[in-house]
Amino acid sequence: MKNDYKYDSFGNLDADYYVEKAYELRRAYYAAAFKKIKASVKAFFANLTANRSMKSAPQH
């Protein structure tokens, strides 16, 4: 089995490195989630205004 763990200068598992990697992954996840939420909200309001303009048209 290949050992891909990162160790500090004392031979201990480098916890600070892995904590920082976790923060990095969390930031990337939140950025993607907020980007998706923003697109969904924007699409919702675009659809809402498009439907309103159709309803306000005079009916003959």
PDB file of N, CA and C in Angstrom:
ATOM      1  N   MET A   1       0.848  -1.181   0.000  1.00  0.00           N
ATOM      2  CA  MET A   1       0.000   0.000   0.000  1.00  0.00           C
ATOM      3  C   MET A   1       0.892   1.242   0.000  1.00  0.00           C
ATOM      4  N   LYS A   2       0.568   2.185  -0.860  1.00  0.00           N
ATOM      5  CA  LYS A   2       1.357   3.407  -0.981  1.00  0.00           C
ATOM      6  C   LYS A   2       0.945   4.392   0.108  1.00  0.00           C
ATOM      7  N   ASN A   3       1.914   4.974   0.769  1.00  0.00           N
ATOM      8  CA  ASN A   3       1.655   5.929   1.836  1.00  0.00           C
ATOM      9  C   ASN A   3       1.757   7.345   1.273  1.00  0.00           C
ATOM     10  N   ASP A   4       0.624   7.996   1.060  1.00  0.00           N
ATOM     11  CA  ASP A   4       0.597   9.341   0.494  1.00  0.00           C
ATOM     12  C   ASP A   4       0.340  10.409   1.542  1.00  0.00           C
ATOM     13  N   TYR A   5       0.520  10.091   2.797  1.00  0.00           N
ATOM     14  CA  TYR A   5       0.264  11.057   3.853  1.00  0.00           C
ATOM     15  C   TYR A   5       1.402  12.061   3.954  1.00  0.00           C
ATOM     16  N   LYS A   6       1.069  13.267   4.396  1.00  0.00           N
ATOM     17  CA  LYS A   6       2.073  14.320   4.561  1.00  0.00           C
ATOM     18  C   LYS A   6       2.438  14.382   6.044  1.00  0.00           C
ATOM     19  N   TYR A   7       3.721  14.393   6.304  1.00  0.00           N
ATOM     20  CA  TYR A   7       4.219  14.430   7.673  1.00  0.00           C
ATOM     21  C   TYR A   7       4.987  15.719   7.923  1.00  0.00           C
ATOM     22  N   ASP A   8       4.990  16.164   9.185  1.00  0.00           N
ATOM     23  CA  ASP A   8       5.758  17.359   9.536  1.00  0.00           C
ATOM     24  C   ASP A   8       7.220  16.988   9.791  1.00  0.00           C
ATOM     25  N   SER A   9       8.000  17.960  10.220  1.00  0.00           N
ATOM     26  CA  SER A   9       9.434  17.730  10.418  1.00  0.00           C
ATOM     27  C   SER A   9       9.735  16.782  11.571  1.00  0.00           C
ATOM     28  N   PHE A  10       8.765  16.540  12.448  1.00  0.00           N
ATOM     29  CA  PHE A  10       8.960  15.621  13.576  1.00  0.00           C
ATOM     30  C   PHE A  10       8.503  14.203  13.265  1.00  0.00           C
ATOM     31  N   GLY A  11       7.984  13.993  12.081  1.00  0.00           N
ATOM     32  CA  GLY A  11       7.516  12.674  11.686  1.00  0.00           C
ATOM     33  C   GLY A  11       6.060  12.409  12.035  1.00  0.00           C
ATOM     34  N   ASN A  12       5.386  13.419  12.555  1.00  0.00           N
ATOM     35  CA  ASN A  12       3.962  13.299  12.880  1.00  0.00           C
ATOM     36  C   ASN A  12       3.122  13.670  11.661  1.00  0.00           C
ATOM     37  N   LEU A  13       1.916  13.169  11.642  1.00  0.00           N
ATOM     38  CA  LEU A  13       0.997  13.530  10.570  1.00  0.00           C
ATOM     39  C   LEU A  13       0.777  15.040  10.611  1.00  0.00           C
ATOM     40  N   ASP A  14       0.891  15.697   9.481  1.00  0.00           N
ATOM     41  CA  ASP A  14       0.798  17.154   9.412  1.00  0.00           C
ATOM     42  C   ASP A  14      -0.674  17.579   9.442  1.00  0.00           C
ATOM     43  N   ALA A  15      -1.194  17.765  10.648  1.00  0.00           N
ATOM     44  CA  ALA A  15      -2.600  18.107  10.832  1.00  0.00           C
ATOM     45  C   ALA A  15      -2.914  19.482  10.257  1.00  0.00           C
ATOM     46  N   ASP A  16      -2.011  20.422  10.397  1.00  0.00           N
ATOM     47  CA  ASP A  16      -2.257  21.771   9.872  1.00  0.00           C
ATOM     48  C   ASP A  16      -2.456  21.743   8.359  1.00  0.00           C
ATOM     49  N   TYR A  17      -1.698  20.927   7.687  1.00  0.00           N
ATOM     50  CA  TYR A  17      -1.827  20.798   6.227  1.00  0.00           C
ATOM     51  C   TYR A  17      -3.218  20.281   5.865  1.00  0.00           C
ATOM     52  N   TYR A  18      -3.663  19.253   6.567  1.00  0.00           N
ATOM     53  CA  TYR A  18      -4.951  18.654   6.246  1.00  0.00           C
ATOM     54  C   TYR A  18      -6.118  19.531   6.668  1.00  0.00           C
ATOM     55  N   VAL A  19      -5.955  20.299   7.732  1.00  0.00           N
ATOM     56  CA  VAL A  19      -6.993  21.254   8.117  1.00  0.00           C
ATOM     57  C   VAL A  19      -7.121  22.325   7.046  1.00  0.00           C
ATOM     58  N   GLU A  20      -5.996  22.822   6.549  1.00  0.00           N
ATOM     59  CA  GLU A  20      -6.027  23.835   5.491  1.00  0.00           C
ATOM     60  C   GLU A  20      -6.638  23.258   4.212  1.00  0.00           C
ATOM     61  N   LYS A  21      -6.338  22.007   3.887  1.00  0.00           N
ATOM     62  CA  LYS A  21      -6.953  21.357   2.715  1.00  0.00           C
ATOM     63  C   LYS A  21      -8.469  21.256   2.891  1.00  0.00           C
ATOM     64  N   ALA A  22      -8.904  20.958   4.117  1.00  0.00           N
ATOM     65  CA  ALA A  22     -10.339  20.874   4.388  1.00  0.00           C
ATOM     66  C   ALA A  22     -10.999  22.242   4.196  1.00  0.00           C
ATOM     67  N   TYR A  23     -10.349  23.305   4.677  1.00  0.00           N
ATOM     68  CA  TYR A  23     -10.881  24.653   4.470  1.00  0.00           C
ATOM     69  C   TYR A  23     -10.956  24.984   2.984  1.00  0.00           C
ATOM     70  N   GLU A  24      -9.951  24.604   2.239  1.00  0.00           N
ATOM     71  CA  GLU A  24      -9.921  24.857   0.805  1.00  0.00           C
ATOM     72  C   GLU A  24     -11.072  24.140   0.096  1.00  0.00           C
ATOM     73  N   LEU A  25     -11.285  22.886   0.449  1.00  0.00           N
ATOM     74  CA  LEU A  25     -12.387  22.126  -0.153  1.00  0.00           C
ATOM     75  C   LEU A  25     -13.740  22.717   0.236  1.00  0.00           C
ATOM     76  N   ARG A  26     -13.858  23.161   1.472  1.00  0.00           N
ATOM     77  CA  ARG A  26     -15.109  23.755   1.940  1.00  0.00           C
ATOM     78  C   ARG A  26     -15.393  25.057   1.199  1.00  0.00           C
ATOM     79  N   ARG A  27     -14.361  25.876   1.003  1.00  0.00           N
ATOM     80  CA  ARG A  27     -14.538  27.133   0.263  1.00  0.00           C
ATOM     81  C   ARG A  27     -14.984  26.860  -1.174  1.00  0.00           C
ATOM     82  N   ALA A  28     -14.395  25.869  -1.796  1.00  0.00           N
ATOM     83  CA  ALA A  28     -14.763  25.527  -3.169  1.00  0.00           C
ATOM     84  C   ALA A  28     -16.208  25.019  -3.233  1.00  0.00           C
ATOM     85  N   TYR A  29     -16.598  24.220  -2.249  1.00  0.00           N
ATOM     86  CA  TYR A  29     -17.973  23.702  -2.214  1.00  0.00           C
ATOM     87  C   TYR A  29     -18.975  24.836  -2.029  1.00  0.00           C
ATOM     88  N   TYR A  30     -18.699  25.733  -1.066  1.00  0.00           N
ATOM     89  CA  TYR A  30     -19.609  26.849  -0.824  1.00  0.00           C
ATOM     90  C   TYR A  30     -19.681  27.781  -2.027  1.00  0.00           C
ATOM     91  N   ALA A  31     -18.564  28.006  -2.693  1.00  0.00           N
ATOM     92  CA  ALA A  31     -18.574  28.862  -3.876  1.00  0.00           C
ATOM     93  C   ALA A  31     -19.463  28.258  -4.962  1.00  0.00           C
ATOM     94  N   ALA A  32     -19.347  26.968  -5.176  1.00  0.00           N
ATOM     95  CA  ALA A  32     -20.177  26.305  -6.192  1.00  0.00           C
ATOM     96  C   ALA A  32     -21.650  26.307  -5.781  1.00  0.00           C
ATOM     97  N   ALA A  33     -21.915  26.083  -4.505  1.00  0.00           N
ATOM     98  CA  ALA A  33     -23.296  26.061  -4.024  1.00  0.00           C
ATOM     99  C   ALA A  33     -23.943  27.433  -4.163  1.00  0.00           C
ATOM    100  N   PHE A  34     -23.240  28.487  -3.767  1.00  0.00           N
ATOM    101  CA  PHE A  34     -23.803  29.830  -3.880  1.00  0.00           C
ATOM    102  C   PHE A  34     -23.976  30.250  -5.337  1.00  0.00           C
ATOM    103  N   LYS A  35     -23.074  29.817  -6.176  1.00  0.00           N
ATOM    104  CA  LYS A  35     -23.208  30.121  -7.599  1.00  0.00           C
ATOM    105  C   LYS A  35     -24.477  29.465  -8.159  1.00  0.00           C
ATOM    106  N   LYS A  36     -24.733  28.244  -7.748  1.00  0.00           N
ATOM    107  CA  LYS A  36     -25.924  27.535  -8.200  1.00  0.00           C
ATOM    108  C   LYS A  36     -27.194  28.180  -7.632  1.00  0.00           C
ATOM    109  N   ILE A  37     -27.145  28.581  -6.364  1.00  0.00           N
ATOM    110  CA  ILE A  37     -28.293  29.247  -5.740  1.00  0.00           C
ATOM    111  C   ILE A  37     -28.583  30.566  -6.448  1.00  0.00           C
ATOM    112  N   LYS A  38     -27.520  31.318  -6.737  1.00  0.00           N
ATOM    113  CA  LYS A  38     -27.688  32.607  -7.423  1.00  0.00           C
ATOM    114  C   LYS A  38     -28.352  32.407  -8.779  1.00  0.00           C
ATOM    115  N   ALA A  39     -27.913  31.404  -9.517  1.00  0.00           N
ATOM    116  CA  ALA A  39     -28.492  31.133 -10.837  1.00  0.00           C
ATOM    117  C   ALA A  39     -29.959  30.717 -10.704  1.00  0.00           C
ATOM    118  N   SER A  40     -30.272  29.931  -9.677  1.00  0.00           N
ATOM    119  CA  SER A  40     -31.652  29.485  -9.476  1.00  0.00           C
ATOM    120  C   SER A  40     -32.568  30.652  -9.125  1.00  0.00           C
ATOM    121  N   VAL A  41     -32.114  31.521  -8.239  1.00  0.00           N
ATOM    122  CA  VAL A  41     -32.917  32.683  -7.846  1.00  0.00           C
ATOM    123  C   VAL A  41     -33.096  33.619  -9.030  1.00  0.00           C
ATOM    124  N   LYS A  42     -32.035  33.829  -9.784  1.00  0.00           N
ATOM    125  CA  LYS A  42     -32.113  34.693 -10.958  1.00  0.00           C
ATOM    126  C   LYS A  42     -33.103  34.124 -11.981  1.00  0.00           C
ATOM    127  N   ALA A  43     -33.044  32.821 -12.210  1.00  0.00           N
ATOM    128  CA  ALA A  43     -33.963  32.183 -13.148  1.00  0.00           C
ATOM    129  C   ALA A  43     -35.399  32.255 -12.644  1.00  0.00           C
ATOM    130  N   PHE A  44     -35.578  32.106 -11.330  1.00  0.00           N
ATOM    131  CA  PHE A  44     -36.919  32.185 -10.750  1.00  0.00           C
ATOM    132  C   PHE A  44     -37.541  33.551 -11.010  1.00  0.00           C
ATOM    133  N   PHE A  45     -36.782  34.615 -10.705  1.00  0.00           N
ATOM    134  CA  PHE A  45     -37.328  35.954 -10.891  1.00  0.00           C
ATOM    135  C   PHE A  45     -37.465  36.308 -12.366  1.00  0.00           C
ATOM    136  N   ALA A  46     -36.593  35.816 -13.207  1.00  0.00           N
ATOM    137  CA  ALA A  46     -36.727  36.053 -14.648  1.00  0.00           C
ATOM    138  C   ALA A  46     -37.997  35.384 -15.158  1.00  0.00           C
ATOM    139  N   ASN A  47     -38.262  34.184 -14.687  1.00  0.00           N
ATOM    140  CA  ASN A  47     -39.468  33.462 -15.078  1.00  0.00           C
ATOM    141  C   ASN A  47     -40.710  34.159 -14.518  1.00  0.00           C
ATOM    142  N   LEU A  48     -40.612  34.655 -13.310  1.00  0.00           N
ATOM    143  CA  LEU A  48     -41.733  35.344 -12.671  1.00  0.00           C
ATOM    144  C   LEU A  48     -42.087  36.610 -13.446  1.00  0.00           C
ATOM    145  N   THR A  49     -41.107  37.396 -13.805  1.00  0.00           N
ATOM    146  CA  THR A  49     -41.382  38.626 -14.551  1.00  0.00           C
ATOM    147  C   THR A  49     -41.855  38.318 -15.966  1.00  0.00           C
ATOM    148  N   ALA A  50     -41.372  37.257 -16.570  1.00  0.00           N
ATOM    149  CA  ALA A  50     -41.818  36.887 -17.913  1.00  0.00           C
ATOM    150  C   ALA A  50     -43.285  36.474 -17.876  1.00  0.00           C
ATOM    151  N   ASN A  51     -43.681  35.756 -16.846  1.00  0.00           N
ATOM    152  CA  ASN A  51     -45.082  35.345 -16.719  1.00  0.00           C
ATOM    153  C   ASN A  51     -45.982  36.537 -16.435  1.00  0.00           C
ATOM    154  N   ARG A  52     -45.514  37.495 -15.680  1.00  0.00           N
ATOM    155  CA  ARG A  52     -46.316  38.677 -15.368  1.00  0.00           C
ATOM    156  C   ARG A  52     -46.570  39.519 -16.604  1.00  0.00           C
ATOM    157  N   SER A  53     -45.567  39.678 -17.429  1.00  0.00           N
ATOM    158  CA  SER A  53     -45.750  40.506 -18.613  1.00  0.00           C
ATOM    159  C   SER A  53     -46.746  39.856 -19.567  1.00  0.00           C
ATOM    160  N   MET A  54     -46.822  38.548 -19.570  1.00  0.00           N
ATOM    161  CA  MET A  54     -47.798  37.851 -20.411  1.00  0.00           C
ATOM    162  C   MET A  54     -49.201  38.052 -19.859  1.00  0.00           C
ATOM    163  N   LYS A  55     -49.367  38.048 -18.548  1.00  0.00           N
ATOM    164  CA  LYS A  55     -50.691  38.199 -17.946  1.00  0.00           C
ATOM    165  C   LYS A  55     -51.215  39.626 -18.089  1.00  0.00           C
ATOM    166  N   SER A  56     -50.318  40.600 -18.122  1.00  0.00           N
ATOM    167  CA  SER A  56     -50.770  41.983 -18.179  1.00  0.00           C
ATOM    168  C   SER A  56     -51.142  42.419 -19.599  1.00  0.00           C
ATOM    169  N   ALA A  57     -50.898  41.585 -20.579  1.00  0.00           N
ATOM    170  CA  ALA A  57     -51.253  41.930 -21.962  1.00  0.00           C
ATOM    171  C   ALA A  57     -52.773  41.980 -22.079  1.00  0.00           C
ATOM    172  N   PRO A  58     -53.285  42.937 -22.838  1.00  0.00           N
ATOM    173  CA  PRO A  58     -54.755  43.034 -22.970  1.00  0.00           C
ATOM    174  C   PRO A  58     -55.332  41.804 -23.678  1.00  0.00           C
ATOM    175  N   GLN A  59     -56.464  41.391 -23.188  1.00  0.00           N
ATOM    176  CA  GLN A  59     -57.127  40.202 -23.742  1.00  0.00           C
ATOM    177  C   GLN A  59     -58.286  40.653 -24.637  1.00  0.00           C
ATOM    178  N   HIS A  60     -58.337  40.172 -25.865  1.00  0.00           N
ATOM    179  CA  HIS A  60     -59.417  40.546 -26.794  1.00  0.00           C
ATOM    180  C   HIS A  60     -60.377  39.430 -26.980  1.00  0.00           C
TER     181      HIS A  60
END
